Amino acid sequence: MASESRYLTERIDRPAHEVYAYASNPAHLPQWAPGLGSAVEKVGDAWFVETGMGRVGLAFAPSNDFGVLDHDVTLPSGEVVYNPMRVIKDGDACEVVFTLRRREGMTDEEFERDAAAVAADLARLKRMVEDRA
């Protein structure tokens, strides 16, 4: 059975390469994505984030010129949640698109809460990157 997806977007008035460089650095996550976690730690080549549900693993797609920020989040249970994310060039600005997937067993309320958290994180990313300019 295919999962339900919702596409959350934010237009950012900065060049795509700047937004990608900032957002692709896991060390910046607590600044713009506190919905994911509050503290980030690098152990060897792996990244970990402290969340309300415990320590989770985080692995971004390899660095690329296409704005792909896909990432896997490994939950304390061992479940891996794949999160498609892109920075799409739009002239001197860009659009960030996050595909939120409904996990099996997730209620409507939980899905809406996740969507609101991602939207808030993307809005925060916009403020952080635009304010750095």
Protein backbone atom coordinates (compact mmCIF):
# COMPACT_ATOMS: atom_id res chain seq x y z
CA MET A 1 0.00 0.00 0.00
CA ALA A 2 1.37 3.43 -0.97
CA SER A 3 1.79 5.93 1.82
CA GLU A 4 0.14 9.34 1.83
CA SER A 5 2.45 12.27 1.11
CA ARG A 6 2.18 15.99 1.66
CA TYR A 7 4.49 18.52 0.01
CA LEU A 8 5.53 21.41 2.22
CA THR A 9 7.34 24.30 0.57
CA GLU A 10 9.01 27.57 1.44
CA ARG A 11 10.31 30.16 -1.00
CA ILE A 12 13.61 31.62 0.19
CA ASP A 13 15.04 34.84 -1.23
CA ARG A 14 18.61 33.56 -1.38
CA PRO A 15 20.47 31.61 -4.05
CA ALA A 16 19.88 27.85 -4.00
CA HIS A 17 23.55 27.04 -3.41
CA GLU A 18 23.58 29.15 -0.21
CA VAL A 19 20.45 27.52 1.14
CA TYR A 20 21.73 24.07 0.25
CA ALA A 21 25.11 24.72 1.91
CA TYR A 22 23.45 25.85 5.14
CA ALA A 23 20.69 23.23 5.30
CA SER A 24 22.93 20.31 4.33
CA ASN A 25 25.19 20.84 7.35
CA PRO A 26 23.72 18.71 10.18
CA ALA A 27 25.43 20.94 12.75
CA HIS A 28 22.93 23.69 11.82
CA LEU A 29 19.83 21.56 12.48
CA PRO A 30 19.13 22.78 16.03
CA GLN A 31 19.04 26.36 14.71
CA TRP A 32 16.47 25.81 11.97
CA ALA A 33 14.87 22.44 12.70
CA PRO A 34 14.30 22.18 16.45
CA GLY A 35 11.24 20.11 15.51
CA LEU A 36 13.72 17.35 14.65
CA GLY A 37 16.00 17.78 17.63
CA SER A 38 17.80 20.02 20.07
CA ALA A 39 21.40 18.86 19.91
CA VAL A 40 23.54 17.29 17.20
CA GLU A 41 26.63 15.18 17.62
CA LYS A 42 29.03 13.73 15.06
CA VAL A 43 30.58 10.39 15.97
CA GLY A 44 33.06 9.24 13.34
CA ASP A 45 31.21 9.70 10.05
CA ALA A 46 27.74 9.40 11.64
CA TRP A 47 25.45 12.14 12.92
CA PHE A 48 23.07 11.81 15.87
CA VAL A 49 20.30 14.11 17.07
CA GLU A 50 18.78 14.30 20.54
CA THR A 51 15.00 14.31 20.20
CA GLY A 52 11.98 14.02 22.46
CA MET A 53 11.89 10.29 21.68
CA GLY A 54 15.59 9.73 22.32
CA ARG A 55 18.75 9.73 20.24
CA VAL A 56 18.20 9.25 16.50
CA GLY A 57 20.62 8.73 13.65
CA LEU A 58 20.68 11.15 10.75
CA ALA A 59 22.17 10.52 7.31
CA PHE A 60 21.92 13.03 4.45
CA ALA A 61 22.33 12.17 0.79
CA PRO A 62 25.92 12.71 -0.38
CA SER A 63 26.81 16.29 -1.26
CA ASN A 64 25.54 17.10 -4.75
CA ASP A 65 24.95 19.93 -7.24
CA PHE A 66 21.23 19.17 -7.62
CA GLY A 67 19.96 20.43 -4.26
CA VAL A 68 19.01 16.96 -3.02
CA LEU A 69 18.75 17.00 0.78
CA ASP A 70 17.10 13.61 1.18
CA HIS A 71 17.86 12.13 4.57
CA ASP A 72 17.19 9.05 6.62
CA VAL A 73 16.28 9.34 10.27
CA THR A 74 16.88 6.16 12.26
CA LEU A 75 14.53 6.10 15.23
CA PRO A 76 15.46 4.56 18.59
CA SER A 77 13.30 1.55 17.60
CA GLY A 78 15.57 0.97 14.59
CA GLU A 79 12.88 2.09 12.13
CA VAL A 80 14.36 4.18 9.32
CA VAL A 81 12.24 7.08 8.07
CA TYR A 82 13.19 8.33 4.59
CA ASN A 83 12.60 12.08 4.11
CA PRO A 84 12.78 13.45 0.55
CA MET A 85 13.84 17.11 0.47
CA ARG A 86 15.03 19.43 -2.29
CA VAL A 87 16.35 22.94 -2.80
CA ILE A 88 15.11 24.05 -6.21
CA LYS A 89 16.74 27.00 -7.97
CA ASP A 90 14.40 29.83 -8.98
CA GLY A 91 16.46 32.65 -10.44
CA ASP A 92 18.30 34.39 -7.60
CA ALA A 93 16.03 32.67 -5.06
CA CYS A 94 14.92 29.11 -4.45
CA GLU A 95 12.16 26.92 -3.16
CA VAL A 96 12.69 24.25 -0.52
CA VAL A 97 10.35 21.28 -0.85
CA PHE A 98 9.96 18.65 1.87
CA THR A 99 7.88 15.55 1.22
CA LEU A 100 6.20 14.44 4.43
CA ARG A 101 5.15 10.81 4.34
CA ARG A 102 2.54 9.37 6.65
CA ARG A 103 4.08 6.47 8.56
CA GLU A 104 2.09 3.31 9.09
CA GLY A 105 -0.29 3.60 12.01
CA MET A 106 -0.02 7.41 12.17
CA THR A 107 -3.29 9.13 13.10
CA ASP A 108 -4.65 12.16 11.25
CA GLU A 109 -3.77 14.29 14.28
CA GLU A 110 -0.17 13.03 14.34
CA PHE A 111 0.20 13.61 10.60
CA GLU A 112 -1.14 17.18 10.94
CA ARG A 113 1.18 17.81 13.90
CA ASP A 114 4.19 16.59 11.87
CA ALA A 115 3.13 18.76 8.91
CA ALA A 116 2.88 21.83 11.16
CA ALA A 117 6.31 21.11 12.67
CA VAL A 118 7.93 20.75 9.23
CA ALA A 119 6.25 23.95 7.98
CA ALA A 120 7.56 25.81 11.05
CA ASP A 121 11.06 24.40 10.48
CA LEU A 122 11.03 25.51 6.83
CA ALA A 123 9.85 28.99 7.83
CA ARG A 124 12.69 29.13 10.38
CA LEU A 125 15.17 28.00 7.68
CA LYS A 126 13.95 30.88 5.51
CA ARG A 127 14.49 33.41 8.31
CA MET A 128 17.91 32.00 9.24
CA VAL A 129 19.27 32.05 5.68
CA GLU A 130 17.75 35.38 4.65
CA ASP A 131 18.94 37.05 7.87
CA ARG A 132 22.50 35.82 7.26
CA ALA A 133 22.64 37.78 3.99
